[in-house]
PDB file of N, CA and C in Angstrom:
ATOM      1  N   MET A   1     130.597 101.969 172.149  1.00  0.00           N
ATOM      2  CA  MET A   1     130.233 101.792 170.603  1.00  0.00           C
ATOM      3  C   MET A   1     130.702 102.953 170.157  1.00  0.00           C
ATOM      4  N   THR A   2     131.608 103.175 168.537  1.00  0.00           N
ATOM      5  CA  THR A   2     131.564 104.207 168.307  1.00  0.00           C
ATOM      6  C   THR A   2     130.112 104.467 167.082  1.00  0.00           C
ATOM      7  N   ASP A   3     130.413 105.882 166.521  1.00  0.00           N
ATOM      8  CA  ASP A   3     129.306 106.388 165.991  1.00  0.00           C
ATOM      9  C   ASP A   3     128.742 105.726 165.272  1.00  0.00           C
ATOM     10  N   ALA A   4     129.755 105.313 163.912  1.00  0.00           N
ATOM     11  CA  ALA A   4     129.868 104.853 162.889  1.00  0.00           C
ATOM     12  C   ALA A   4     129.712 102.996 162.764  1.00  0.00           C
ATOM     13  N   LEU A   5     130.139 102.543 163.993  1.00  0.00           N
ATOM     14  CA  LEU A   5     129.377 101.342 164.319  1.00  0.00           C
ATOM     15  C   LEU A   5     127.507 101.411 164.685  1.00  0.00           C
ATOM     16  N   LYS A   6     127.511 102.680 165.673  1.00  0.00           N
ATOM     17  CA  LYS A   6     125.987 103.111 165.463  1.00  0.00           C
ATOM     18  C   LYS A   6     125.106 102.653 164.390  1.00  0.00           C
ATOM     19  N   VAL A   7     125.854 103.542 163.405  1.00  0.00           N
ATOM     20  CA  VAL A   7     125.298 103.610 162.298  1.00  0.00           C
ATOM     21  C   VAL A   7     124.961 102.619 161.341  1.00  0.00           C
ATOM     22  N   ARG A   8     125.769 101.838 161.575  1.00  0.00           N
ATOM     23  CA  ARG A   8     126.089 100.255 160.965  1.00  0.00           C
ATOM     24  C   ARG A   8     124.999  99.360 161.530  1.00  0.00           C
ATOM     25  N   THR A   9     125.205  99.641 162.742  1.00  0.00           N
ATOM     26  CA  THR A   9     123.825  98.437 163.560  1.00  0.00           C
ATOM     27  C   THR A   9     122.580  98.781 162.861  1.00  0.00           C
ATOM     28  N   ALA A  10     122.420 100.507 163.743  1.00  0.00           N
ATOM     29  CA  ALA A  10     120.807 101.175 162.801  1.00  0.00           C
ATOM     30  C   ALA A  10     120.759 100.467 161.604  1.00  0.00           C
ATOM     31  N   ARG A  11     121.608 100.560 160.705  1.00  0.00           N
ATOM     32  CA  ARG A  11     121.093 100.038 158.952  1.00  0.00           C
ATOM     33  C   ARG A  11     120.751  98.799 159.309  1.00  0.00           C
ATOM     34  N   LEU A  12     121.479  98.035 160.185  1.00  0.00           N
ATOM     35  CA  LEU A  12     121.486  96.449 159.646  1.00  0.00           C
ATOM     36  C   LEU A  12     119.802  96.169 160.600  1.00  0.00           C
ATOM     37  N   VAL A  13     119.369  96.853 161.617  1.00  0.00           N
ATOM     38  CA  VAL A  13     118.247  97.007 162.134  1.00  0.00           C
ATOM     39  C   VAL A  13     117.205  97.117 161.331  1.00  0.00           C
ATOM     40  N   ALA A  14     116.929  98.160 160.660  1.00  0.00           N
ATOM     41  CA  ALA A  14     116.548  98.973 159.691  1.00  0.00           C
ATOM     42  C   ALA A  14     116.266  97.799 158.474  1.00  0.00           C
ATOM     43  N   ALA A  15     117.215  96.810 157.850  1.00  0.00           N
ATOM     44  CA  ALA A  15     117.037  96.324 157.076  1.00  0.00           C
ATOM     45  C   ALA A  15     116.220  95.080 157.368  1.00  0.00           C
ATOM     46  N   TYR A  16     116.469  94.428 158.548  1.00  0.00           N
ATOM     47  CA  TYR A  16     115.627  93.311 158.991  1.00  0.00           C
ATOM     48  C   TYR A  16     114.366  93.682 159.577  1.00  0.00           C
ATOM     49  N   GLU A  17     113.768  94.820 159.699  1.00  0.00           N
ATOM     50  CA  GLU A  17     112.585  95.494 159.942  1.00  0.00           C
ATOM     51  C   GLU A  17     111.806  94.833 158.482  1.00  0.00           C
ATOM     52  N   LEU A  18     112.839  95.300 157.710  1.00  0.00           N
ATOM     53  CA  LEU A  18     112.306  95.615 156.398  1.00  0.00           C
ATOM     54  C   LEU A  18     111.777  94.023 155.696  1.00  0.00           C
ATOM     55  N   ARG A  19     112.907  93.226 155.982  1.00  0.00           N
ATOM     56  CA  ARG A  19     112.900  91.946 155.372  1.00  0.00           C
ATOM     57  C   ARG A  19     111.446  91.142 156.159  1.00  0.00           C
ATOM     58  N   LEU A  20     112.059  91.145 157.550  1.00  0.00           N
ATOM     59  CA  LEU A  20     110.442  90.960 158.355  1.00  0.00           C
ATOM     60  C   LEU A  20     109.106  91.170 157.902  1.00  0.00           C
ATOM     61  N   ASP A  21     109.045  92.050 157.160  1.00  0.00           N
ATOM     62  CA  ASP A  21     108.284  92.581 156.771  1.00  0.00           C
ATOM     63  C   ASP A  21     107.667  92.000 155.336  1.00  0.00           C
ATOM     64  N   LYS A  22     108.892  92.039 154.855  1.00  0.00           N
ATOM     65  CA  LYS A  22     108.594  91.191 153.578  1.00  0.00           C
ATOM     66  C   LYS A  22     108.210  89.404 153.347  1.00  0.00           C
ATOM     67  N   ASP A  23     108.778  88.942 154.504  1.00  0.00           N
ATOM     68  CA  ASP A  23     108.481  87.409 155.391  1.00  0.00           C
ATOM     69  C   ASP A  23     107.404  87.641 155.099  1.00  0.00           C
ATOM     70  N   LYS A  24     106.817  88.046 156.129  1.00  0.00           N
ATOM     71  CA  LYS A  24     105.183  88.137 156.289  1.00  0.00           C
ATOM     72  C   LYS A  24     104.326  88.278 155.060  1.00  0.00           C
ATOM     73  N   SER A  25     104.733  89.111 154.137  1.00  0.00           N
ATOM     74  CA  SER A  25     104.196  89.208 153.083  1.00  0.00           C
ATOM     75  C   SER A  25     104.335  87.826 152.009  1.00  0.00           C
ATOM     76  N   GLU A  26     105.173  87.622 152.026  1.00  0.00           N
ATOM     77  CA  GLU A  26     105.463  85.984 151.018  1.00  0.00           C
ATOM     78  C   GLU A  26     104.857  84.657 152.359  1.00  0.00           C
ATOM     79  N   LEU A  27     104.586  84.617 153.723  1.00  0.00           N
ATOM     80  CA  LEU A  27     103.873  83.591 154.352  1.00  0.00           C
ATOM     81  C   LEU A  27     102.319  84.072 153.669  1.00  0.00           C
ATOM     82  N   ILE A  28     102.379  84.916 153.655  1.00  0.00           N
ATOM     83  CA  ILE A  28     100.579  85.061 153.480  1.00  0.00           C
ATOM     84  C   ILE A  28     100.231  84.854 152.413  1.00  0.00           C
ATOM     85  N   SER A  29     101.245  84.979 150.944  1.00  0.00           N
ATOM     86  CA  SER A  29     101.212  84.600 149.515  1.00  0.00           C
ATOM     87  C   SER A  29     101.173  83.225 149.308  1.00  0.00           C
ATOM     88  N   SER A  30     101.922  82.907 150.427  1.00  0.00           N
ATOM     89  CA  SER A  30     102.105  81.101 150.515  1.00  0.00           C
ATOM     90  C   SER A  30     100.806  80.258 151.190  1.00  0.00           C
ATOM     91  N   LEU A  31     100.310  80.918 151.770  1.00  0.00           N
ATOM     92  CA  LEU A  31      99.065  80.733 152.486  1.00  0.00           C
ATOM     93  C   LEU A  31      97.911  80.293 151.672  1.00  0.00           C
ATOM     94  N   ALA A  32      97.909  81.513 150.320  1.00  0.00           N
ATOM     95  CA  ALA A  32      96.838  81.937 149.409  1.00  0.00           C
ATOM     96  C   ALA A  32      97.186  80.552 148.627  1.00  0.00           C
ATOM     97  N   ALA A  33      98.616  80.096 147.824  1.00  0.00           N
ATOM     98  CA  ALA A  33      99.211  79.033 146.946  1.00  0.00           C
ATOM     99  C   ALA A  33      98.764  77.943 147.821  1.00  0.00           C
ATOM    100  N   VAL A  34      98.534  77.783 148.929  1.00  0.00           N
ATOM    101  CA  VAL A  34      98.631  76.105 149.648  1.00  0.00           C
ATOM    102  C   VAL A  34      96.658  76.379 149.510  1.00  0.00           C
ATOM    103  N   ARG A  35      95.983  76.901 149.853  1.00  0.00           N
ATOM    104  CA  ARG A  35      94.355  77.153 149.945  1.00  0.00           C
ATOM    105  C   ARG A  35      94.342  77.062 148.291  1.00  0.00           C
ATOM    106  N   ASP A  36      94.994  77.306 147.864  1.00  0.00           N
ATOM    107  CA  ASP A  36      94.500  77.043 145.780  1.00  0.00           C
ATOM    108  C   ASP A  36      95.233  75.842 145.911  1.00  0.00           C
ATOM    109  N   GLY A  37      95.340  74.890 146.509  1.00  0.00           N
ATOM    110  CA  GLY A  37      95.815  73.839 145.805  1.00  0.00           C
ATOM    111  C   GLY A  37      97.641  73.300 145.776  1.00  0.00           C
ATOM    112  N   ASN A  38      98.382  74.385 146.096  1.00  0.00           N
ATOM    113  CA  ASN A  38      99.637  74.424 146.015  1.00  0.00           C
ATOM    114  C   ASN A  38     100.223  74.078 146.961  1.00  0.00           C
ATOM    115  N   THR A  39     100.017  72.906 147.887  1.00  0.00           N
ATOM    116  CA  THR A  39     100.140  72.221 149.247  1.00  0.00           C
ATOM    117  C   THR A  39     102.040  72.470 148.912  1.00  0.00           C
ATOM    118  N   ALA A  40     102.485  71.506 148.778  1.00  0.00           N
ATOM    119  CA  ALA A  40     104.216  71.382 148.495  1.00  0.00           C
ATOM    120  C   ALA A  40     104.804  72.548 148.090  1.00  0.00           C
ATOM    121  N   GLY A  41     104.390  73.720 147.517  1.00  0.00           N
ATOM    122  CA  GLY A  41     104.755  75.071 146.692  1.00  0.00           C
ATOM    123  C   GLY A  41     105.082  75.446 147.899  1.00  0.00           C
ATOM    124  N   GLY A  42     104.023  75.551 148.229  1.00  0.00           N
ATOM    125  CA  GLY A  42     103.469  76.840 149.393  1.00  0.00           C
ATOM    126  C   GLY A  42     104.040  76.446 150.705  1.00  0.00           C
ATOM    127  N   PHE A  43     103.904  75.048 150.811  1.00  0.00           N
ATOM    128  CA  PHE A  43     105.033  75.114 152.305  1.00  0.00           C
ATOM    129  C   PHE A  43     106.228  74.811 152.476  1.00  0.00           C
ATOM    130  N   GLU A  44     106.849  74.753 151.109  1.00  0.00           N
ATOM    131  CA  GLU A  44     108.136  74.923 150.495  1.00  0.00           C
ATOM    132  C   GLU A  44     109.015  76.307 151.321  1.00  0.00           C
ATOM    133  N   ILE A  45     108.459  77.486 150.892  1.00  0.00           N
ATOM    134  CA  ILE A  45     108.637  78.254 150.826  1.00  0.00           C
ATOM    135  C   ILE A  45     108.215  78.928 152.515  1.00  0.00           C
ATOM    136  N   VAL A  46     106.901  78.313 153.222  1.00  0.00           N
ATOM    137  CA  VAL A  46     106.673  78.455 154.467  1.00  0.00           C
ATOM    138  C   VAL A  46     108.102  78.129 155.161  1.00  0.00           C
ATOM    139  N   ARG A  47     108.386  76.951 155.220  1.00  0.00           N
ATOM    140  CA  ARG A  47     109.353  76.459 155.804  1.00  0.00           C
ATOM    141  C   ARG A  47     110.820  77.195 155.792  1.00  0.00           C
ATOM    142  N   TYR A  48     111.365  77.636 154.263  1.00  0.00           N
ATOM    143  CA  TYR A  48     112.079  78.264 154.249  1.00  0.00           C
ATOM    144  C   TYR A  48     112.356  79.438 155.226  1.00  0.00           C
ATOM    145  N   ILE A  49     111.416  80.515 155.028  1.00  0.00           N
ATOM    146  CA  ILE A  49     110.936  81.469 155.645  1.00  0.00           C
ATOM    147  C   ILE A  49     111.278  81.066 157.209  1.00  0.00           C
ATOM    148  N   ALA A  50     110.589  80.185 157.822  1.00  0.00           N
ATOM    149  CA  ALA A  50     110.599  79.780 159.366  1.00  0.00           C
ATOM    150  C   ALA A  50     111.754  79.361 159.468  1.00  0.00           C
ATOM    151  N   HIS A  51     112.844  78.869 159.116  1.00  0.00           N
ATOM    152  CA  HIS A  51     114.042  78.373 158.903  1.00  0.00           C
ATOM    153  C   HIS A  51     115.087  79.588 158.965  1.00  0.00           C
ATOM    154  N   ARG A  52     114.905  80.746 158.087  1.00  0.00           N
ATOM    155  CA  ARG A  52     115.548  81.846 158.777  1.00  0.00           C
ATOM    156  C   ARG A  52     115.313  82.753 159.421  1.00  0.00           C
ATOM    157  N   LEU A  53     114.085  82.299 159.946  1.00  0.00           N
ATOM    158  CA  LEU A  53     113.327  83.513 161.089  1.00  0.00           C
ATOM    159  C   LEU A  53     114.181  82.763 162.099  1.00  0.00           C
ATOM    160  N   VAL A  54     114.237  81.541 162.355  1.00  0.00           N
ATOM    161  CA  VAL A  54     114.772  80.937 163.200  1.00  0.00           C
ATOM    162  C   VAL A  54     116.458  81.369 163.881  1.00  0.00           C
ATOM    163  N   GLY A  55     116.943  81.513 162.773  1.00  0.00           N
ATOM    164  CA  GLY A  55     118.418  81.783 163.000  1.00  0.00           C
ATOM    165  C   GLY A  55     118.381  83.237 162.932  1.00  0.00           C
ATOM    166  N   SER A  56     117.678  84.289 162.717  1.00  0.00           N
ATOM    167  CA  SER A  56     117.751  85.429 163.133  1.00  0.00           C
ATOM    168  C   SER A  56     117.159  85.650 163.726  1.00  0.00           C
ATOM    169  N   ALA A  57     115.913  85.206 164.318  1.00  0.00           N
ATOM    170  CA  ALA A  57     115.308  85.943 165.746  1.00  0.00           C
ATOM    171  C   ALA A  57     116.317  86.687 166.702  1.00  0.00           C
ATOM    172  N   ARG A  58     116.933  85.855 167.358  1.00  0.00           N
ATOM    173  CA  ARG A  58     117.580  85.875 168.719  1.00  0.00           C
ATOM    174  C   ARG A  58     118.765  86.965 168.427  1.00  0.00           C
ATOM    175  N   LEU A  59     119.161  86.588 167.076  1.00  0.00           N
ATOM    176  CA  LEU A  59     120.580  87.804 167.080  1.00  0.00           C
ATOM    177  C   LEU A  59     119.837  89.435 167.039  1.00  0.00           C
ATOM    178  N   PHE A  60     118.406  89.426 166.371  1.00  0.00           N
ATOM    179  CA  PHE A  60     117.928  90.928 166.382  1.00  0.00           C
ATOM    180  C   PHE A  60     117.018  91.315 167.438  1.00  0.00           C
ATOM    181  N   GLY A  61     117.329  89.875 168.621  1.00  0.00           N
ATOM    182  CA  GLY A  61     116.199  90.440 170.021  1.00  0.00           C
ATOM    183  C   GLY A  61     114.736  90.188 169.442  1.00  0.00           C
ATOM    184  N   CYS A  62     114.207  89.285 168.585  1.00  0.00           N
ATOM    185  CA  CYS A  62     113.220  89.173 168.309  1.00  0.00           C
ATOM    186  C   CYS A  62     112.912  87.929 169.431  1.00  0.00           C
ATOM    187  N   GLU A  63     113.471  87.317 170.148  1.00  0.00           N
ATOM    188  CA  GLU A  63     112.809  85.942 170.943  1.00  0.00           C
ATOM    189  C   GLU A  63     111.488  85.654 170.619  1.00  0.00           C
ATOM    190  N   ASP A  64     110.423  86.278 170.802  1.00  0.00           N
ATOM    191  CA  ASP A  64     109.435  86.243 170.562  1.00  0.00           C
ATOM    192  C   ASP A  64     108.549  85.224 169.138  1.00  0.00           C
ATOM    193  N   LEU A  65     109.456  85.636 168.171  1.00  0.00           N
ATOM    194  CA  LEU A  65     109.695  85.052 166.815  1.00  0.00           C
ATOM    195  C   LEU A  65     109.837  83.621 166.946  1.00  0.00           C
ATOM    196  N   ASP A  66     110.934  83.322 167.559  1.00  0.00           N
ATOM    197  CA  ASP A  66     111.944  82.067 167.498  1.00  0.00           C
ATOM    198  C   ASP A  66     111.088  80.965 167.819  1.00  0.00           C
ATOM    199  N   THR A  67     110.286  80.724 168.704  1.00  0.00           N
ATOM    200  CA  THR A  67     109.204  79.438 169.147  1.00  0.00           C
ATOM    201  C   THR A  67     108.300  79.742 167.986  1.00  0.00           C
ATOM    202  N   PRO A  68     107.605  80.354 167.871  1.00  0.00           N
ATOM    203  CA  PRO A  68     106.734  80.110 167.003  1.00  0.00           C
ATOM    204  C   PRO A  68     107.289  79.806 164.743  1.00  0.00           C
ATOM    205  N   ALA A  69     108.525  80.495 164.748  1.00  0.00           N
ATOM    206  CA  ALA A  69     108.827  79.883 163.550  1.00  0.00           C
ATOM    207  C   ALA A  69     109.785  78.662 163.616  1.00  0.00           C
ATOM    208  N   ARG A  70     110.211  78.546 165.056  1.00  0.00           N
ATOM    209  CA  ARG A  70     110.512  76.749 164.988  1.00  0.00           C
ATOM    210  C   ARG A  70     109.224  75.638 164.939  1.00  0.00           C
ATOM    211  N   THR A  71     108.481  75.965 165.120  1.00  0.00           N
ATOM    212  CA  THR A  71     107.286  75.436 165.228  1.00  0.00           C
ATOM    213  C   THR A  71     106.919  74.910 163.939  1.00  0.00           C
ATOM    214  N   VAL A  72     106.545  75.819 163.085  1.00  0.00           N
ATOM    215  CA  VAL A  72     105.931  76.155 161.993  1.00  0.00           C
ATOM    216  C   VAL A  72     107.640  75.213 161.135  1.00  0.00           C
ATOM    217  N   GLU A  73     108.211  75.351 161.097  1.00  0.00           N
ATOM    218  CA  GLU A  73     109.723  74.693 160.431  1.00  0.00           C
ATOM    219  C   GLU A  73     109.219  73.287 160.676  1.00  0.00           C
ATOM    220  N   GLN A  74     109.119  72.845 162.013  1.00  0.00           N
ATOM    221  CA  GLN A  74     108.917  71.077 162.678  1.00  0.00           C
ATOM    222  C   GLN A  74     107.869  70.713 162.263  1.00  0.00           C
ATOM    223  N   MET A  75     106.837  71.476 161.635  1.00  0.00           N
ATOM    224  CA  MET A  75     105.388  70.899 161.846  1.00  0.00           C
ATOM    225  C   MET A  75     105.476  71.117 160.078  1.00  0.00           C
ATOM    226  N   VAL A  76     106.120  71.603 159.048  1.00  0.00           N
ATOM    227  CA  VAL A  76     106.170  71.113 157.706  1.00  0.00           C
ATOM    228  C   VAL A  76     107.236  70.053 157.687  1.00  0.00           C
ATOM    229  N   ASP A  77     108.121  70.247 158.205  1.00  0.00           N
ATOM    230  CA  ASP A  77     109.588  68.866 158.466  1.00  0.00           C
ATOM    231  C   ASP A  77     108.466  67.892 158.668  1.00  0.00           C
ATOM    232  N   SER A  78     107.742  67.483 159.162  1.00  0.00           N
ATOM    233  CA  SER A  78     107.133  66.338 159.976  1.00  0.00           C
ATOM    234  C   SER A  78     105.934  66.154 159.406  1.00  0.00           C
ATOM    235  N   GLY A  79     105.170  67.105 158.386  1.00  0.00           N
ATOM    236  CA  GLY A  79     104.425  66.676 157.136  1.00  0.00           C
ATOM    237  C   GLY A  79     103.076  66.437 158.518  1.00  0.00           C
ATOM    238  N   VAL A  80     102.859  67.262 159.069  1.00  0.00           N
ATOM    239  CA  VAL A  80     101.661  67.717 160.237  1.00  0.00           C
ATOM    240  C   VAL A  80     100.447  68.224 158.986  1.00  0.00           C
ATOM    241  N   GLU A  81      98.917  67.581 159.597  1.00  0.00           N
ATOM    242  CA  GLU A  81      97.907  68.427 158.966  1.00  0.00           C
ATOM    243  C   GLU A  81      98.037  69.702 158.284  1.00  0.00           C
ATOM    244  N   PRO A  82      97.715  69.955 157.107  1.00  0.00           N
ATOM    245  CA  PRO A  82      97.659  71.660 156.617  1.00  0.00           C
ATOM    246  C   PRO A  82      97.105  72.415 156.953  1.00  0.00           C
ATOM    247  N   SER A  83      96.085  72.005 157.695  1.00  0.00           N
ATOM    248  CA  SER A  83      95.171  72.941 158.410  1.00  0.00           C
ATOM    249  C   SER A  83      95.785  73.461 159.961  1.00  0.00           C
ATOM    250  N   LEU A  84      96.534  72.517 160.267  1.00  0.00           N
ATOM    251  CA  LEU A  84      97.470  72.607 162.015  1.00  0.00           C
ATOM    252  C   LEU A  84      98.717  74.084 161.319  1.00  0.00           C
ATOM    253  N   ILE A  85      99.711  73.213 159.839  1.00  0.00           N
ATOM    254  CA  ILE A  85     100.199  74.657 159.759  1.00  0.00           C
ATOM    255  C   ILE A  85      99.920  75.744 159.557  1.00  0.00           C
ATOM    256  N   ILE A  86      98.656  76.108 158.320  1.00  0.00           N
ATOM    257  CA  ILE A  86      98.090  77.262 157.988  1.00  0.00           C
ATOM    258  C   ILE A  86      97.776  77.848 159.377  1.00  0.00           C
ATOM    259  N   GLN A  87      97.320  77.482 160.963  1.00  0.00           N
ATOM    260  CA  GLN A  87      96.992  77.638 162.135  1.00  0.00           C
ATOM    261  C   GLN A  87      98.308  78.236 162.691  1.00  0.00           C
ATOM    262  N   ALA A  88      99.280  77.719 162.570  1.00  0.00           N
ATOM    263  CA  ALA A  88     100.811  78.326 163.284  1.00  0.00           C
ATOM    264  C   ALA A  88     101.508  79.548 162.491  1.00  0.00           C
ATOM    265  N   VAL A  89     101.542  79.283 161.083  1.00  0.00           N
ATOM    266  CA  VAL A  89     101.500  80.251 160.119  1.00  0.00           C
ATOM    267  C   VAL A  89     100.836  81.482 160.526  1.00  0.00           C
ATOM    268  N   ASN A  90      99.661  81.664 160.824  1.00  0.00           N
ATOM    269  CA  ASN A  90      98.639  82.556 161.028  1.00  0.00           C
ATOM    270  C   ASN A  90      99.443  83.418 162.609  1.00  0.00           C
ATOM    271  N   GLU A  91      99.260  82.466 163.702  1.00  0.00           N
ATOM    272  CA  GLU A  91     100.120  82.782 164.798  1.00  0.00           C
ATOM    273  C   GLU A  91     101.298  83.573 164.213  1.00  0.00           C
ATOM    274  N   LEU A  92     102.304  82.897 163.602  1.00  0.00           N
ATOM    275  CA  LEU A  92     103.539  83.609 163.113  1.00  0.00           C
ATOM    276  C   LEU A  92     103.580  85.003 162.827  1.00  0.00           C
ATOM    277  N   VAL A  93     102.459  84.749 161.576  1.00  0.00           N
ATOM    278  CA  VAL A  93     102.322  86.199 161.116  1.00  0.00           C
ATOM    279  C   VAL A  93     101.795  87.134 162.192  1.00  0.00           C
ATOM    280  N   GLU A  94     100.980  87.107 163.317  1.00  0.00           N
ATOM    281  CA  GLU A  94     100.495  88.078 164.041  1.00  0.00           C
ATOM    282  C   GLU A  94     101.683  88.324 164.862  1.00  0.00           C
ATOM    283  N   ARG A  95     102.652  87.731 165.180  1.00  0.00           N
ATOM    284  CA  ARG A  95     104.097  87.896 165.930  1.00  0.00           C
ATOM    285  C   ARG A  95     104.776  88.965 165.179  1.00  0.00           C
ATOM    286  N   ILE A  96     105.059  88.186 164.042  1.00  0.00           N
ATOM    287  CA  ILE A  96     105.626  89.448 163.176  1.00  0.00           C
ATOM    288  C   ILE A  96     105.192  91.086 163.402  1.00  0.00           C
ATOM    289  N   ASP A  97     103.564  90.841 162.947  1.00  0.00           N
ATOM    290  CA  ASP A  97     102.962  92.061 162.909  1.00  0.00           C
ATOM    291  C   ASP A  97     102.761  92.897 164.298  1.00  0.00           C
ATOM    292  N   ARG A  98     103.273  92.262 165.590  1.00  0.00           N
ATOM    293  CA  ARG A  98     103.215  92.836 166.838  1.00  0.00           C
ATOM    294  C   ARG A  98     104.720  93.347 166.496  1.00  0.00           C
ATOM    295  N   THR A  99     105.515  92.396 166.253  1.00  0.00           N
ATOM    296  CA  THR A  99     107.380  93.390 166.334  1.00  0.00           C
ATOM    297  C   THR A  99     107.396  94.422 165.538  1.00  0.00           C
ATOM    298  N   LEU A 100     106.843  94.422 164.193  1.00  0.00           N
ATOM    299  CA  LEU A 100     106.852  95.307 163.633  1.00  0.00           C
ATOM    300  C   LEU A 100     105.905  96.761 164.186  1.00  0.00           C
ATOM    301  N   LEU A 101     105.082  96.435 164.850  1.00  0.00           N
ATOM    302  CA  LEU A 101     104.237  97.692 165.411  1.00  0.00           C
ATOM    303  C   LEU A 101     105.069  98.322 166.561  1.00  0.00           C
ATOM    304  N   ILE A 102     105.576  97.240 166.844  1.00  0.00           N
ATOM    305  CA  ILE A 102     106.648  97.769 168.825  1.00  0.00           C
ATOM    306  C   ILE A 102     107.829  98.502 168.039  1.00  0.00           C
ATOM    307  N   GLY A 103     108.100  97.640 166.719  1.00  0.00           N
ATOM    308  CA  GLY A 103     109.329  98.362 166.566  1.00  0.00           C
ATOM    309  C   GLY A 103     110.824  97.252 166.987  1.00  0.00           C
ATOM    310  N   LEU A 104     112.035  97.334 166.411  1.00  0.00           N
ATOM    311  CA  LEU A 104     112.447  96.880 166.799  1.00  0.00           C
ATOM    312  C   LEU A 104     114.016  97.531 167.766  1.00  0.00           C
ATOM    313  N   GLN A 105     114.999  97.062 168.988  1.00  0.00           N
ATOM    314  CA  GLN A 105     115.465  98.058 169.858  1.00  0.00           C
ATOM    315  C   GLN A 105     116.825  97.303 169.158  1.00  0.00           C
ATOM    316  N   GLN A 106     117.719  98.279 169.012  1.00  0.00           N
ATOM    317  CA  GLN A 106     119.545  97.719 169.297  1.00  0.00           C
ATOM    318  C   GLN A 106     119.516  96.301 169.736  1.00  0.00           C
ATOM    319  N   PRO A 107     120.045  95.615 169.285  1.00  0.00           N
ATOM    320  CA  PRO A 107     120.476  94.098 169.676  1.00  0.00           C
ATOM    321  C   PRO A 107     121.655  94.138 170.478  1.00  0.00           C
ATOM    322  N   ASP A 108     121.025  93.424 171.889  1.00  0.00           N
ATOM    323  CA  ASP A 108     122.056  93.343 172.631  1.00  0.00           C
ATOM    324  C   ASP A 108     123.842  93.298 172.587  1.00  0.00           C
ATOM    325  N   TRP A 109     124.112  92.417 171.190  1.00  0.00           N
ATOM    326  CA  TRP A 109     125.095  92.649 170.928  1.00  0.00           C
ATOM    327  C   TRP A 109     125.882  93.932 170.490  1.00  0.00           C
ATOM    328  N   SER A 110     124.990  94.843 169.798  1.00  0.00           N
ATOM    329  CA  SER A 110     125.537  96.012 169.748  1.00  0.00           C
ATOM    330  C   SER A 110     125.984  96.906 170.850  1.00  0.00           C
ATOM    331  N   ASP A 111     125.873  96.590 171.839  1.00  0.00           N
ATOM    332  CA  ASP A 111     126.208  97.588 172.866  1.00  0.00           C
ATOM    333  C   ASP A 111     127.809  96.754 173.766  1.00  0.00           C
ATOM    334  N   ARG A 112     128.189  95.501 173.395  1.00  0.00           N
ATOM    335  CA  ARG A 112     129.292  95.192 173.907  1.00  0.00           C
ATOM    336  C   ARG A 112     130.675  96.009 173.374  1.00  0.00           C
ATOM    337  N   ARG A 113     131.403  96.143 174.254  1.00  0.00           N
ATOM    338  CA  ARG A 113     132.604  97.092 173.982  1.00  0.00           C
ATOM    339  C   ARG A 113     133.770  96.043 173.361  1.00  0.00           C
ATOM    340  N   THR A 114     134.169  96.098 172.413  1.00  0.00           N
ATOM    341  CA  THR A 114     135.627  95.902 172.095  1.00  0.00           C
ATOM    342  C   THR A 114     136.804  96.440 172.476  1.00  0.00           C
ATOM    343  N   ASP A 115     137.804  95.803 173.136  1.00  0.00           N
ATOM    344  CA  ASP A 115     139.357  96.521 173.941  1.00  0.00           C
ATOM    345  C   ASP A 115     140.103  96.431 172.927  1.00  0.00           C
TER     346      ASP A 115
END
């Protein structure tokens, strides 16, 4: 991998870490909205963030986030009891916290050579 590509990849990873932190904050805010009675609006945001995480988690080597994010997305789509969705979102937030604490590594795809 060229130095320029390493720098760009490092920037992408850093931007993803920032987005994960923002997603975590938005999930927490959305749960507060749900608790205040805005169930539809709060869960709409929760579903959007979970869907986005499903799409990006594996790309950035965060397989630990994929399953809980997919679970949250499916629960919202299925109209599961709000307390169960809240519990699943809390688990997702905890996993995001752990991921950010450990820090992201360079994704596997960044090591592939192109000839």
